[in-house]
């Protein structure tokens, strides 16, 4: 496994741990959806659209899908007092549509941004992993160049 893959997998594992420790992963679908793509020395993290809203919040104006809210209430064990679970989900959806959820610019911002908090805690370790991997790559390249010069 290349060093970029090790760094990316460590980051994804750390994000999953943050989501779990903060009880921000009711169904597990968001964590399970996280994946990565390596292009050169760049690592891109991919996931369900829900990860974006977990990270950045949702601005007022566009409510989330009622099915997603219904599933969230079920996964969280939130029960409607009158037994109308769909009505509860619709009410939550409507309130989020009207008011949004905490966004990166809001006073409740601390609830959001699990990726940012994860990076704050693991970035030194990821940098060390990347530096070690790059050093090994450079060492292998130098060794190969010396081998070529010796055989020339």
N, C-alpha and C. Protein backbone atom coordinates (compact mmCIF):
# COMPACT_ATOMS: atom_id res chain seq x y z
N UNK A 1 0.84 -1.17 0.00
CA UNK A 1 0.00 0.00 0.00
C UNK A 1 0.89 1.24 0.00
N UNK A 2 0.63 2.15 -0.91
CA UNK A 2 1.40 3.39 -1.01
C UNK A 2 1.13 4.27 0.21
N UNK A 3 2.07 5.15 0.49
CA UNK A 3 1.93 6.01 1.67
C UNK A 3 0.68 6.88 1.57
N UNK A 4 0.32 7.32 0.34
CA UNK A 4 -0.87 8.15 0.18
C UNK A 4 -2.12 7.39 0.63
N UNK A 5 -2.18 6.10 0.30
CA UNK A 5 -3.32 5.28 0.71
C UNK A 5 -3.36 5.12 2.23
N UNK A 6 -2.19 4.95 2.84
CA UNK A 6 -2.14 4.82 4.30
C UNK A 6 -2.62 6.10 4.98
N UNK A 7 -2.19 7.25 4.47
CA UNK A 7 -2.60 8.53 5.04
C UNK A 7 -4.11 8.72 4.87
N UNK A 8 -4.62 8.43 3.67
CA UNK A 8 -6.05 8.59 3.40
C UNK A 8 -6.88 7.67 4.29
N UNK A 9 -6.45 6.43 4.42
CA UNK A 9 -7.21 5.48 5.24
C UNK A 9 -7.18 5.88 6.71
N UNK A 10 -6.05 6.38 7.18
CA UNK A 10 -5.95 6.87 8.56
C UNK A 10 -6.90 8.05 8.78
N UNK A 11 -6.97 8.96 7.80
CA UNK A 11 -7.87 10.10 7.92
C UNK A 11 -9.33 9.63 7.95
N UNK A 12 -9.71 8.72 7.07
CA UNK A 12 -11.09 8.22 7.04
C UNK A 12 -11.42 7.51 8.35
N UNK A 13 -10.52 6.68 8.84
CA UNK A 13 -10.76 6.00 10.12
C UNK A 13 -10.93 7.01 11.26
N UNK A 14 -10.15 8.08 11.23
CA UNK A 14 -10.25 9.11 12.26
C UNK A 14 -11.56 9.88 12.16
N UNK A 15 -12.01 10.17 10.94
CA UNK A 15 -13.30 10.86 10.75
C UNK A 15 -14.42 9.96 11.28
N UNK A 16 -14.36 8.68 10.94
CA UNK A 16 -15.38 7.74 11.43
C UNK A 16 -15.40 7.69 12.96
N UNK A 17 -14.23 7.70 13.56
CA UNK A 17 -14.15 7.68 15.03
C UNK A 17 -14.75 8.96 15.62
N UNK A 18 -14.49 10.10 14.99
CA UNK A 18 -15.07 11.37 15.46
C UNK A 18 -16.58 11.33 15.36
N UNK A 19 -17.11 10.90 14.22
CA UNK A 19 -18.57 10.81 14.05
C UNK A 19 -19.18 9.90 15.10
N UNK A 20 -18.54 8.76 15.35
CA UNK A 20 -19.07 7.81 16.33
C UNK A 20 -18.99 8.38 17.75
N UNK A 21 -17.87 8.99 18.10
CA UNK A 21 -17.71 9.49 19.46
C UNK A 21 -18.65 10.66 19.76
N UNK A 22 -19.07 11.37 18.72
CA UNK A 22 -19.97 12.51 18.90
C UNK A 22 -21.43 12.12 18.63
N UNK A 23 -21.67 10.82 18.45
CA UNK A 23 -23.02 10.33 18.18
C UNK A 23 -23.64 11.05 16.99
N UNK A 24 -22.85 11.23 15.93
CA UNK A 24 -23.30 11.94 14.74
C UNK A 24 -23.49 11.00 13.56
N UNK A 25 -23.72 9.74 13.85
CA UNK A 25 -23.75 8.74 12.79
C UNK A 25 -24.87 7.74 13.09
N UNK A 26 -26.11 8.22 13.09
CA UNK A 26 -27.24 7.43 13.56
C UNK A 26 -27.36 6.09 12.83
N UNK A 27 -27.34 6.10 11.51
CA UNK A 27 -27.54 4.86 10.75
C UNK A 27 -26.22 4.19 10.37
N UNK A 28 -25.13 4.93 10.42
CA UNK A 28 -23.84 4.41 9.98
C UNK A 28 -23.59 4.61 8.49
N UNK A 29 -24.61 5.07 7.76
CA UNK A 29 -24.47 5.22 6.31
C UNK A 29 -23.44 6.28 5.93
N UNK A 30 -23.42 7.39 6.67
CA UNK A 30 -22.46 8.44 6.34
C UNK A 30 -21.04 7.93 6.51
N UNK A 31 -20.74 7.31 7.64
CA UNK A 31 -19.39 6.77 7.86
C UNK A 31 -19.04 5.71 6.82
N UNK A 32 -19.99 4.81 6.56
CA UNK A 32 -19.74 3.74 5.60
C UNK A 32 -19.48 4.27 4.20
N UNK A 33 -20.03 5.45 3.89
CA UNK A 33 -19.90 5.99 2.54
C UNK A 33 -18.54 6.63 2.28
N UNK A 34 -17.78 6.90 3.33
CA UNK A 34 -16.52 7.61 3.14
C UNK A 34 -15.51 6.76 2.37
N UNK A 35 -14.93 7.38 1.37
CA UNK A 35 -13.91 6.72 0.56
C UNK A 35 -12.92 7.80 0.12
N UNK A 36 -11.90 7.39 -0.60
CA UNK A 36 -10.91 8.36 -1.03
C UNK A 36 -10.41 8.02 -2.42
N UNK A 37 -9.86 9.04 -3.06
CA UNK A 37 -9.19 8.90 -4.35
C UNK A 37 -7.85 9.59 -4.22
N UNK A 38 -6.80 8.92 -4.68
CA UNK A 38 -5.46 9.51 -4.65
C UNK A 38 -5.08 9.88 -6.08
N UNK A 39 -4.71 11.14 -6.26
CA UNK A 39 -4.21 11.61 -7.55
C UNK A 39 -2.87 12.27 -7.29
N UNK A 40 -1.79 11.55 -7.56
CA UNK A 40 -0.45 12.05 -7.25
C UNK A 40 -0.30 12.12 -5.74
N UNK A 41 0.02 13.31 -5.25
CA UNK A 41 0.14 13.50 -3.80
C UNK A 41 -1.12 14.12 -3.20
N UNK A 42 -2.19 14.21 -4.00
CA UNK A 42 -3.45 14.78 -3.52
C UNK A 42 -4.41 13.66 -3.13
N UNK A 43 -5.06 13.85 -2.00
CA UNK A 43 -6.04 12.88 -1.51
C UNK A 43 -7.40 13.57 -1.47
N UNK A 44 -8.37 12.98 -2.13
CA UNK A 44 -9.74 13.51 -2.10
C UNK A 44 -10.60 12.55 -1.29
N UNK A 45 -11.38 13.11 -0.36
CA UNK A 45 -12.29 12.32 0.46
C UNK A 45 -13.69 12.47 -0.12
N UNK A 46 -14.35 11.35 -0.31
CA UNK A 46 -15.71 11.32 -0.88
C UNK A 46 -16.66 10.68 0.11
N UNK A 47 -17.92 11.05 0.01
CA UNK A 47 -18.95 10.45 0.85
C UNK A 47 -20.33 10.88 0.40
N UNK A 48 -21.32 10.36 1.08
CA UNK A 48 -22.70 10.75 0.80
C UNK A 48 -22.87 12.25 1.00
N UNK A 49 -23.88 12.81 0.36
CA UNK A 49 -24.19 14.22 0.51
C UNK A 49 -24.44 14.57 1.99
N UNK A 50 -24.92 13.61 2.76
CA UNK A 50 -25.18 13.86 4.18
C UNK A 50 -23.90 14.27 4.92
N UNK A 51 -22.74 13.80 4.45
CA UNK A 51 -21.50 14.19 5.11
C UNK A 51 -21.26 15.69 4.95
N UNK A 52 -21.59 16.23 3.78
CA UNK A 52 -21.46 17.67 3.55
C UNK A 52 -22.30 18.44 4.57
N UNK A 53 -23.54 18.00 4.78
CA UNK A 53 -24.42 18.70 5.73
C UNK A 53 -23.97 18.47 7.17
N UNK A 54 -23.40 17.32 7.46
CA UNK A 54 -22.84 17.07 8.78
C UNK A 54 -21.67 18.03 9.03
N UNK A 55 -20.88 18.26 8.00
CA UNK A 55 -19.70 19.11 8.10
C UNK A 55 -20.06 20.60 8.09
N UNK A 56 -20.93 21.01 7.17
CA UNK A 56 -21.17 22.43 6.94
C UNK A 56 -22.50 22.96 7.44
N UNK A 57 -23.43 22.06 7.79
CA UNK A 57 -24.76 22.52 8.17
C UNK A 57 -25.62 22.73 6.93
N UNK A 58 -26.84 23.17 7.13
CA UNK A 58 -27.77 23.39 6.03
C UNK A 58 -28.36 24.77 6.18
N UNK A 59 -28.21 25.59 5.15
CA UNK A 59 -28.79 26.93 5.17
C UNK A 59 -30.31 26.82 5.06
N UNK A 60 -30.99 27.82 5.61
CA UNK A 60 -32.45 27.86 5.50
C UNK A 60 -32.85 27.98 4.03
N UNK A 61 -34.02 27.46 3.72
CA UNK A 61 -34.55 27.61 2.36
C UNK A 61 -34.86 26.30 1.69
N UNK A 62 -34.02 25.32 1.84
CA UNK A 62 -34.26 24.02 1.22
C UNK A 62 -34.30 22.95 2.30
N UNK A 63 -35.49 22.40 2.56
CA UNK A 63 -35.57 21.37 3.60
C UNK A 63 -34.95 20.06 3.14
N UNK A 64 -34.48 19.27 4.08
CA UNK A 64 -33.95 17.95 3.74
C UNK A 64 -35.10 17.02 3.33
N UNK A 65 -34.78 15.91 2.68
CA UNK A 65 -35.83 14.95 2.31
C UNK A 65 -36.50 14.38 3.56
N UNK A 66 -37.83 14.32 3.56
CA UNK A 66 -38.56 13.84 4.73
C UNK A 66 -38.19 12.39 5.04
N UNK A 67 -37.89 11.57 4.01
CA UNK A 67 -37.50 10.18 4.24
C UNK A 67 -36.22 10.08 5.04
N UNK A 68 -35.28 10.97 4.76
CA UNK A 68 -34.02 10.96 5.51
C UNK A 68 -34.26 11.35 6.97
N UNK A 69 -35.12 12.32 7.19
CA UNK A 69 -35.43 12.74 8.56
C UNK A 69 -36.19 11.64 9.29
N UNK A 70 -37.13 10.99 8.61
CA UNK A 70 -37.87 9.88 9.21
C UNK A 70 -36.91 8.78 9.65
N UNK A 71 -35.98 8.42 8.77
CA UNK A 71 -35.00 7.38 9.11
C UNK A 71 -34.12 7.81 10.27
N UNK A 72 -33.74 9.08 10.28
CA UNK A 72 -32.92 9.61 11.38
C UNK A 72 -33.65 9.49 12.71
N UNK A 73 -34.96 9.85 12.74
CA UNK A 73 -35.72 9.75 13.99
C UNK A 73 -35.79 8.30 14.46
N UNK A 74 -35.94 7.39 13.52
CA UNK A 74 -36.00 5.96 13.88
C UNK A 74 -34.65 5.49 14.42
N UNK A 75 -33.58 5.83 13.69
CA UNK A 75 -32.23 5.42 14.10
C UNK A 75 -31.84 6.00 15.45
N UNK A 76 -32.28 7.22 15.74
CA UNK A 76 -31.96 7.88 17.01
C UNK A 76 -32.90 7.46 18.13
N UNK A 77 -33.97 6.75 17.79
CA UNK A 77 -34.92 6.34 18.81
C UNK A 77 -35.83 7.47 19.27
N UNK A 78 -36.01 8.46 18.42
CA UNK A 78 -36.89 9.59 18.74
C UNK A 78 -38.31 9.20 18.32
N UNK A 79 -39.21 9.17 19.27
CA UNK A 79 -40.58 8.73 19.01
C UNK A 79 -41.55 9.89 19.14
N UNK A 80 -42.52 9.93 18.26
CA UNK A 80 -43.58 10.93 18.33
C UNK A 80 -44.51 10.60 19.49
N UNK A 81 -44.86 11.61 20.27
CA UNK A 81 -45.76 11.40 21.41
C UNK A 81 -47.11 10.81 20.97
N UNK A 82 -47.59 11.26 19.81
CA UNK A 82 -48.90 10.79 19.35
C UNK A 82 -48.80 9.57 18.43
N UNK A 83 -47.58 9.04 18.27
CA UNK A 83 -47.39 7.86 17.43
C UNK A 83 -47.27 8.16 15.95
N UNK A 84 -47.40 9.41 15.55
CA UNK A 84 -47.33 9.79 14.14
C UNK A 84 -45.88 10.13 13.79
N UNK A 85 -45.09 9.11 13.53
CA UNK A 85 -43.66 9.27 13.26
C UNK A 85 -43.43 10.11 11.99
N UNK A 86 -44.24 9.89 10.97
CA UNK A 86 -44.10 10.66 9.73
C UNK A 86 -44.40 12.13 9.99
N UNK A 87 -45.42 12.41 10.80
CA UNK A 87 -45.74 13.79 11.15
C UNK A 87 -44.59 14.47 11.89
N UNK A 88 -43.96 13.73 12.81
CA UNK A 88 -42.80 14.25 13.52
C UNK A 88 -41.67 14.57 12.54
N UNK A 89 -41.40 13.63 11.64
CA UNK A 89 -40.34 13.84 10.65
C UNK A 89 -40.65 15.04 9.78
N UNK A 90 -41.88 15.20 9.39
CA UNK A 90 -42.27 16.33 8.55
C UNK A 90 -42.08 17.65 9.30
N UNK A 91 -42.44 17.66 10.60
CA UNK A 91 -42.27 18.88 11.41
C UNK A 91 -40.79 19.24 11.54
N UNK A 92 -39.94 18.26 11.78
CA UNK A 92 -38.49 18.51 11.87
C UNK A 92 -37.97 19.02 10.54
N UNK A 93 -38.38 18.38 9.46
CA UNK A 93 -37.97 18.78 8.11
C UNK A 93 -38.37 20.23 7.84
N UNK A 94 -39.60 20.59 8.20
CA UNK A 94 -40.11 21.94 7.97
C UNK A 94 -39.29 22.96 8.76
N UNK A 95 -39.01 22.66 10.01
CA UNK A 95 -38.22 23.59 10.84
C UNK A 95 -36.82 23.77 10.27
N UNK A 96 -36.17 22.68 9.85
CA UNK A 96 -34.83 22.80 9.24
C UNK A 96 -34.93 23.61 7.96
N UNK A 97 -35.98 23.39 7.16
CA UNK A 97 -36.15 24.16 5.92
C UNK A 97 -36.32 25.64 6.19
N UNK A 98 -37.00 25.99 7.27
CA UNK A 98 -37.24 27.39 7.60
C UNK A 98 -36.02 28.05 8.25
N UNK A 99 -35.38 27.33 9.16
CA UNK A 99 -34.31 27.92 9.96
C UNK A 99 -32.91 27.42 9.60
N UNK A 100 -32.85 26.33 8.86
CA UNK A 100 -31.56 25.73 8.58
C UNK A 100 -31.07 24.97 9.80
N UNK A 101 -29.90 24.41 9.67
CA UNK A 101 -29.21 23.80 10.81
C UNK A 101 -27.91 24.58 10.97
N UNK A 102 -27.23 24.45 12.09
CA UNK A 102 -26.01 25.26 12.28
C UNK A 102 -25.08 25.12 11.08
N UNK A 103 -24.61 26.26 10.58
CA UNK A 103 -23.68 26.28 9.46
C UNK A 103 -22.33 26.76 9.94
N UNK A 104 -21.35 26.71 9.05
CA UNK A 104 -20.00 27.06 9.47
C UNK A 104 -19.88 28.50 9.95
N UNK A 105 -20.84 29.38 9.59
CA UNK A 105 -20.77 30.76 10.05
C UNK A 105 -21.66 31.06 11.24
N UNK A 106 -22.34 30.06 11.77
CA UNK A 106 -23.31 30.31 12.83
C UNK A 106 -22.69 30.20 14.21
N UNK A 107 -23.38 30.75 15.23
CA UNK A 107 -22.85 30.66 16.60
C UNK A 107 -22.73 29.22 17.10
N UNK A 108 -23.56 28.32 16.59
CA UNK A 108 -23.52 26.91 17.02
C UNK A 108 -22.54 26.10 16.18
N UNK A 109 -21.63 26.75 15.56
CA UNK A 109 -20.70 26.13 14.63
C UNK A 109 -19.92 24.96 15.24
N UNK A 110 -19.69 25.00 16.55
CA UNK A 110 -18.92 23.95 17.19
C UNK A 110 -19.53 22.57 17.03
N UNK A 111 -20.85 22.51 16.84
CA UNK A 111 -21.50 21.22 16.63
C UNK A 111 -21.13 20.63 15.28
N UNK A 112 -20.76 21.48 14.36
CA UNK A 112 -20.50 21.04 13.00
C UNK A 112 -19.01 20.74 12.83
N UNK A 113 -18.66 20.45 11.64
CA UNK A 113 -17.29 20.31 11.19
C UNK A 113 -16.49 19.19 11.84
N UNK A 114 -17.01 17.96 11.79
CA UNK A 114 -16.22 16.85 12.31
C UNK A 114 -14.92 16.64 11.53
N UNK A 115 -14.92 16.96 10.24
CA UNK A 115 -13.69 16.82 9.45
C UNK A 115 -12.64 17.81 9.96
N UNK A 116 -13.06 19.05 10.18
CA UNK A 116 -12.11 20.06 10.66
C UNK A 116 -11.56 19.67 12.03
N UNK A 117 -12.43 19.21 12.94
CA UNK A 117 -11.96 18.82 14.27
C UNK A 117 -11.05 17.60 14.19
N UNK A 118 -11.38 16.67 13.30
CA UNK A 118 -10.53 15.49 13.12
C UNK A 118 -9.16 15.91 12.62
N UNK A 119 -9.13 16.76 11.62
CA UNK A 119 -7.85 17.22 11.08
C UNK A 119 -7.02 17.93 12.15
N UNK A 120 -7.69 18.74 12.98
CA UNK A 120 -6.96 19.43 14.06
C UNK A 120 -6.24 18.43 14.96
N UNK A 121 -6.87 17.28 15.20
CA UNK A 121 -6.27 16.33 16.13
C UNK A 121 -5.28 15.36 15.47
N UNK A 122 -5.47 15.03 14.21
CA UNK A 122 -4.61 14.01 13.59
C UNK A 122 -3.62 14.56 12.56
N UNK A 123 -3.71 15.84 12.24
CA UNK A 123 -2.84 16.39 11.20
C UNK A 123 -1.36 16.15 11.46
N UNK A 124 -0.85 16.38 12.68
CA UNK A 124 0.58 16.10 12.89
C UNK A 124 0.95 14.64 12.56
N UNK A 125 0.09 13.69 12.94
CA UNK A 125 0.37 12.28 12.64
C UNK A 125 0.32 12.03 11.13
N UNK A 126 -0.65 12.64 10.44
CA UNK A 126 -0.75 12.46 8.99
C UNK A 126 0.46 13.06 8.28
N UNK A 127 0.92 14.21 8.77
CA UNK A 127 2.11 14.84 8.17
C UNK A 127 3.32 13.94 8.37
N UNK A 128 3.47 13.36 9.55
CA UNK A 128 4.59 12.44 9.80
C UNK A 128 4.52 11.24 8.88
N UNK A 129 3.32 10.68 8.72
CA UNK A 129 3.15 9.52 7.83
C UNK A 129 3.53 9.89 6.39
N UNK A 130 3.07 11.07 5.95
CA UNK A 130 3.36 11.51 4.58
C UNK A 130 4.86 11.76 4.41
N UNK A 131 5.47 12.42 5.38
CA UNK A 131 6.91 12.71 5.28
C UNK A 131 7.73 11.42 5.22
N UNK A 132 7.36 10.46 6.05
CA UNK A 132 8.07 9.18 6.04
C UNK A 132 7.90 8.48 4.68
N UNK A 133 6.68 8.51 4.16
CA UNK A 133 6.42 7.88 2.86
C UNK A 133 7.18 8.56 1.74
N UNK A 134 7.20 9.90 1.75
CA UNK A 134 7.94 10.64 0.72
C UNK A 134 9.42 10.36 0.83
N UNK A 135 9.93 10.31 2.05
CA UNK A 135 11.36 10.03 2.24
C UNK A 135 11.71 8.65 1.70
N UNK A 136 10.86 7.67 1.92
CA UNK A 136 11.10 6.33 1.39
C UNK A 136 11.07 6.34 -0.14
N UNK A 137 10.11 7.09 -0.71
CA UNK A 137 10.04 7.20 -2.17
C UNK A 137 11.30 7.84 -2.74
N UNK A 138 11.76 8.92 -2.11
CA UNK A 138 12.97 9.60 -2.57
C UNK A 138 14.17 8.68 -2.43
N UNK A 139 14.25 7.99 -1.31
CA UNK A 139 15.36 7.04 -1.11
C UNK A 139 15.37 5.96 -2.18
N UNK A 140 14.20 5.44 -2.52
CA UNK A 140 14.12 4.41 -3.56
C UNK A 140 14.51 4.98 -4.92
N UNK A 141 14.09 6.22 -5.20
CA UNK A 141 14.45 6.85 -6.47
C UNK A 141 15.96 7.07 -6.58
N UNK A 142 16.57 7.53 -5.50
CA UNK A 142 18.03 7.75 -5.49
C UNK A 142 18.74 6.42 -5.68
N UNK A 143 18.31 5.39 -4.97
CA UNK A 143 18.91 4.07 -5.09
C UNK A 143 18.83 3.58 -6.54
N UNK A 144 17.66 3.74 -7.15
CA UNK A 144 17.50 3.30 -8.55
C UNK A 144 18.39 4.09 -9.49
N UNK A 145 18.54 5.41 -9.26
CA UNK A 145 19.41 6.20 -10.12
C UNK A 145 20.86 5.77 -9.98
N UNK A 146 21.28 5.49 -8.75
CA UNK A 146 22.66 5.03 -8.51
C UNK A 146 22.87 3.69 -9.21
N UNK A 147 21.90 2.80 -9.11
CA UNK A 147 22.00 1.48 -9.75
C UNK A 147 22.16 1.64 -11.27
N UNK A 148 21.40 2.55 -11.85
CA UNK A 148 21.47 2.78 -13.30
C UNK A 148 22.83 3.34 -13.69
N UNK A 149 23.36 4.25 -12.86
CA UNK A 149 24.66 4.84 -13.15
C UNK A 149 25.77 3.79 -13.05
N UNK A 150 25.66 2.89 -12.09
CA UNK A 150 26.67 1.86 -11.90
C UNK A 150 26.67 0.85 -13.02
N UNK A 151 25.50 0.61 -13.62
CA UNK A 151 25.42 -0.38 -14.70
C UNK A 151 25.66 0.25 -16.07
N UNK A 152 25.76 1.57 -16.13
CA UNK A 152 25.96 2.25 -17.42
C UNK A 152 27.40 2.23 -17.85
